[in-house]
Amino acid sequence: MTSESERKPTTSRGMFQLSVNGTNVGPVSDEYSNTTGTFSTVDLGNFAFAAPGPQTFKFTVTGKNAASTGFGLAFDDITLTPQ
């Protein structure tokens, strides 16, 4: 799973943990950035779905970078890639 977030100065962004159907997936990700850039792709890890049908994705704010002024999150695109 990947998440693309715009890497412009995002000095008010927080850190998050993705969970799928109640199971944490991948590492905690930090959206803080103090530099201007382009969209970047963040690998959020692998998850095997037990069955077809509706799935629950949850992004939980876990804190913030010491340099960040806030806890906001923003996602432009979420891509699921079959394994």
N, C-alpha and C. Protein backbone atom coordinates (compact mmCIF):
# COMPACT_ATOMS: atom_id res chain seq x y z
N MET A 1 0.84 -1.16 0.00
CA MET A 1 0.00 0.00 0.00
C MET A 1 0.89 1.23 0.00
N THR A 2 0.48 2.21 -0.77
CA THR A 2 1.23 3.45 -0.79
C THR A 2 0.29 4.62 -0.59
N SER A 3 0.83 5.69 -0.11
CA SER A 3 0.09 6.92 0.05
C SER A 3 0.93 8.03 -0.52
N GLU A 4 0.33 8.87 -1.35
CA GLU A 4 1.05 10.00 -1.89
C GLU A 4 0.58 11.24 -1.17
N SER A 5 1.50 11.99 -0.64
CA SER A 5 1.16 13.26 -0.01
C SER A 5 2.04 14.33 -0.61
N GLU A 6 1.49 15.49 -0.83
CA GLU A 6 2.22 16.57 -1.46
C GLU A 6 3.32 17.03 -0.52
N ARG A 7 4.55 17.08 -1.02
CA ARG A 7 5.69 17.48 -0.20
C ARG A 7 6.01 18.95 -0.46
N LYS A 8 5.12 19.80 -0.07
CA LYS A 8 5.39 21.23 -0.02
C LYS A 8 5.66 21.54 1.44
N PRO A 9 6.02 22.76 1.78
CA PRO A 9 6.23 22.99 3.21
C PRO A 9 4.99 22.60 4.01
N THR A 10 5.09 21.55 4.76
CA THR A 10 3.97 21.04 5.56
C THR A 10 4.40 21.04 7.02
N THR A 11 4.67 22.21 7.51
CA THR A 11 5.22 22.36 8.85
C THR A 11 4.19 22.17 9.96
N SER A 12 2.94 21.93 9.59
CA SER A 12 1.90 21.71 10.61
C SER A 12 1.34 20.29 10.55
N ARG A 13 2.06 19.38 9.92
CA ARG A 13 1.58 18.01 9.77
C ARG A 13 2.03 17.11 10.91
N GLY A 14 1.26 16.05 11.12
CA GLY A 14 1.53 15.11 12.19
C GLY A 14 2.09 13.79 11.71
N MET A 15 2.14 12.85 12.63
CA MET A 15 2.58 11.49 12.36
C MET A 15 1.36 10.58 12.48
N PHE A 16 1.34 9.49 11.69
CA PHE A 16 0.17 8.61 11.71
C PHE A 16 0.56 7.15 11.59
N GLN A 17 -0.38 6.29 12.02
CA GLN A 17 -0.27 4.84 11.85
C GLN A 17 -1.48 4.37 11.07
N LEU A 18 -1.26 3.60 10.01
CA LEU A 18 -2.35 3.00 9.25
C LEU A 18 -2.74 1.69 9.90
N SER A 19 -4.05 1.44 9.99
CA SER A 19 -4.52 0.11 10.37
C SER A 19 -5.58 -0.31 9.36
N VAL A 20 -5.62 -1.60 9.07
CA VAL A 20 -6.61 -2.18 8.16
C VAL A 20 -7.36 -3.24 8.95
N ASN A 21 -8.65 -3.08 9.03
CA ASN A 21 -9.51 -4.01 9.77
C ASN A 21 -8.99 -4.21 11.20
N GLY A 22 -8.46 -3.15 11.80
CA GLY A 22 -8.02 -3.18 13.19
C GLY A 22 -6.59 -3.65 13.41
N THR A 23 -5.87 -3.98 12.33
CA THR A 23 -4.48 -4.45 12.45
C THR A 23 -3.54 -3.38 11.92
N ASN A 24 -2.56 -2.95 12.74
CA ASN A 24 -1.58 -1.96 12.28
C ASN A 24 -0.79 -2.51 11.10
N VAL A 25 -0.56 -1.62 10.13
CA VAL A 25 0.18 -1.99 8.92
C VAL A 25 1.33 -1.00 8.74
N GLY A 26 2.53 -1.51 8.59
CA GLY A 26 3.69 -0.66 8.33
C GLY A 26 4.10 0.18 9.51
N PRO A 27 5.12 1.02 9.29
CA PRO A 27 5.63 1.86 10.36
C PRO A 27 4.80 3.12 10.54
N VAL A 28 5.03 3.84 11.64
CA VAL A 28 4.45 5.18 11.81
C VAL A 28 5.09 6.08 10.76
N SER A 29 4.28 6.90 10.10
CA SER A 29 4.77 7.80 9.06
C SER A 29 4.66 9.24 9.52
N ASP A 30 5.65 10.05 9.17
CA ASP A 30 5.72 11.45 9.57
C ASP A 30 5.49 12.32 8.34
N GLU A 31 4.45 13.16 8.35
CA GLU A 31 4.15 14.03 7.21
C GLU A 31 4.80 15.40 7.30
N TYR A 32 5.58 15.66 8.34
CA TYR A 32 6.23 16.96 8.49
C TYR A 32 7.27 17.16 7.38
N SER A 33 7.32 18.36 6.82
CA SER A 33 8.36 18.74 5.87
C SER A 33 8.49 20.25 5.91
N ASN A 34 9.72 20.74 5.90
CA ASN A 34 9.93 22.19 5.88
C ASN A 34 10.56 22.64 4.57
N THR A 35 10.54 21.76 3.57
CA THR A 35 11.09 22.11 2.26
C THR A 35 10.02 21.98 1.19
N THR A 36 10.19 22.73 0.12
CA THR A 36 9.26 22.65 -1.01
C THR A 36 9.71 21.52 -1.91
N GLY A 37 8.76 20.75 -2.40
CA GLY A 37 9.10 19.65 -3.29
C GLY A 37 7.90 19.22 -4.11
N THR A 38 7.93 18.00 -4.55
CA THR A 38 6.85 17.46 -5.37
C THR A 38 6.15 16.36 -4.58
N PHE A 39 5.17 15.74 -5.23
CA PHE A 39 4.48 14.62 -4.60
C PHE A 39 5.46 13.50 -4.34
N SER A 40 5.32 12.82 -3.23
CA SER A 40 6.17 11.68 -2.94
C SER A 40 5.29 10.49 -2.60
N THR A 41 5.85 9.31 -2.76
CA THR A 41 5.14 8.09 -2.46
C THR A 41 5.73 7.49 -1.19
N VAL A 42 4.85 7.11 -0.28
CA VAL A 42 5.27 6.51 0.99
C VAL A 42 4.74 5.09 1.03
N ASP A 43 5.62 4.12 1.21
CA ASP A 43 5.21 2.72 1.31
C ASP A 43 4.71 2.47 2.72
N LEU A 44 3.45 2.09 2.85
CA LEU A 44 2.84 1.87 4.16
C LEU A 44 2.82 0.40 4.55
N GLY A 45 3.44 -0.46 3.77
CA GLY A 45 3.54 -1.87 4.13
C GLY A 45 2.61 -2.77 3.34
N ASN A 46 2.59 -4.04 3.73
CA ASN A 46 1.78 -5.06 3.07
C ASN A 46 0.68 -5.55 4.00
N PHE A 47 -0.44 -5.94 3.38
CA PHE A 47 -1.55 -6.49 4.15
C PHE A 47 -2.26 -7.51 3.28
N ALA A 48 -2.55 -8.68 3.82
CA ALA A 48 -3.29 -9.71 3.10
C ALA A 48 -4.73 -9.71 3.59
N PHE A 49 -5.65 -9.42 2.68
CA PHE A 49 -7.08 -9.41 3.03
C PHE A 49 -7.56 -10.84 3.20
N ALA A 50 -8.28 -11.11 4.27
CA ALA A 50 -8.76 -12.46 4.56
C ALA A 50 -9.90 -12.89 3.64
N ALA A 51 -10.69 -11.92 3.18
CA ALA A 51 -11.85 -12.25 2.35
C ALA A 51 -12.21 -11.03 1.51
N PRO A 52 -12.87 -11.25 0.38
CA PRO A 52 -13.34 -10.10 -0.41
C PRO A 52 -14.44 -9.36 0.34
N GLY A 53 -14.68 -8.14 -0.08
CA GLY A 53 -15.75 -7.35 0.53
C GLY A 53 -15.22 -6.07 1.15
N PRO A 54 -16.07 -5.36 1.86
CA PRO A 54 -15.68 -4.09 2.47
C PRO A 54 -14.52 -4.27 3.46
N GLN A 55 -13.60 -3.32 3.46
CA GLN A 55 -12.45 -3.32 4.36
C GLN A 55 -12.39 -1.95 5.03
N THR A 56 -11.89 -1.89 6.26
CA THR A 56 -11.81 -0.64 7.00
C THR A 56 -10.36 -0.17 7.08
N PHE A 57 -10.10 1.04 6.57
CA PHE A 57 -8.79 1.67 6.65
C PHE A 57 -8.90 2.82 7.65
N LYS A 58 -7.95 2.88 8.58
CA LYS A 58 -7.97 3.93 9.60
C LYS A 58 -6.57 4.53 9.71
N PHE A 59 -6.51 5.85 9.67
CA PHE A 59 -5.26 6.57 9.84
C PHE A 59 -5.33 7.28 11.18
N THR A 60 -4.53 6.83 12.15
CA THR A 60 -4.57 7.36 13.50
C THR A 60 -3.38 8.29 13.72
N VAL A 61 -3.64 9.53 14.16
CA VAL A 61 -2.57 10.45 14.50
C VAL A 61 -1.89 9.92 15.76
N THR A 62 -0.57 9.75 15.67
CA THR A 62 0.18 9.19 16.80
C THR A 62 1.06 10.22 17.50
N GLY A 63 1.16 11.41 16.93
CA GLY A 63 2.00 12.45 17.51
C GLY A 63 2.42 13.41 16.42
N LYS A 64 3.53 14.11 16.66
CA LYS A 64 4.05 15.03 15.66
C LYS A 64 5.55 15.15 15.80
N ASN A 65 6.19 15.51 14.72
CA ASN A 65 7.61 15.81 14.71
C ASN A 65 7.85 16.96 15.67
N ALA A 66 8.96 16.98 16.38
CA ALA A 66 9.24 18.05 17.34
C ALA A 66 9.23 19.42 16.69
N ALA A 67 9.54 19.49 15.39
CA ALA A 67 9.57 20.77 14.68
C ALA A 67 8.20 21.19 14.13
N SER A 68 7.23 20.29 14.14
CA SER A 68 5.91 20.58 13.58
C SER A 68 5.10 21.49 14.50
N THR A 69 4.24 22.31 13.89
CA THR A 69 3.36 23.18 14.66
C THR A 69 1.96 22.60 14.84
N GLY A 70 1.71 21.40 14.29
CA GLY A 70 0.37 20.83 14.39
C GLY A 70 0.35 19.34 14.17
N PHE A 71 -0.87 18.80 14.06
CA PHE A 71 -1.09 17.37 13.94
C PHE A 71 -1.88 16.99 12.69
N GLY A 72 -2.04 17.89 11.72
CA GLY A 72 -2.86 17.64 10.54
C GLY A 72 -2.29 16.55 9.65
N LEU A 73 -3.17 15.88 8.90
CA LEU A 73 -2.78 14.88 7.91
C LEU A 73 -3.45 15.23 6.59
N ALA A 74 -2.82 14.88 5.48
CA ALA A 74 -3.42 15.08 4.16
C ALA A 74 -2.93 13.99 3.22
N PHE A 75 -3.85 13.43 2.46
CA PHE A 75 -3.51 12.39 1.48
C PHE A 75 -4.08 12.81 0.14
N ASP A 76 -3.29 12.65 -0.89
CA ASP A 76 -3.74 12.94 -2.23
C ASP A 76 -4.26 11.70 -2.91
N ASP A 77 -3.63 10.58 -2.65
CA ASP A 77 -3.96 9.35 -3.37
C ASP A 77 -3.56 8.16 -2.50
N ILE A 78 -4.36 7.12 -2.51
CA ILE A 78 -4.01 5.86 -1.85
C ILE A 78 -4.10 4.78 -2.91
N THR A 79 -3.01 4.05 -3.10
CA THR A 79 -2.93 3.03 -4.13
C THR A 79 -2.75 1.66 -3.50
N LEU A 80 -3.60 0.70 -3.85
CA LEU A 80 -3.46 -0.67 -3.42
C LEU A 80 -2.87 -1.46 -4.58
N THR A 81 -1.81 -2.21 -4.31
CA THR A 81 -1.14 -2.97 -5.35
C THR A 81 -1.26 -4.45 -5.06
N PRO A 82 -1.85 -5.24 -5.97
CA PRO A 82 -1.95 -6.69 -5.74
C PRO A 82 -0.55 -7.30 -5.61
N GLN A 83 -0.41 -8.25 -4.71
CA GLN A 83 0.87 -8.93 -4.50
C GLN A 83 0.81 -10.34 -5.05
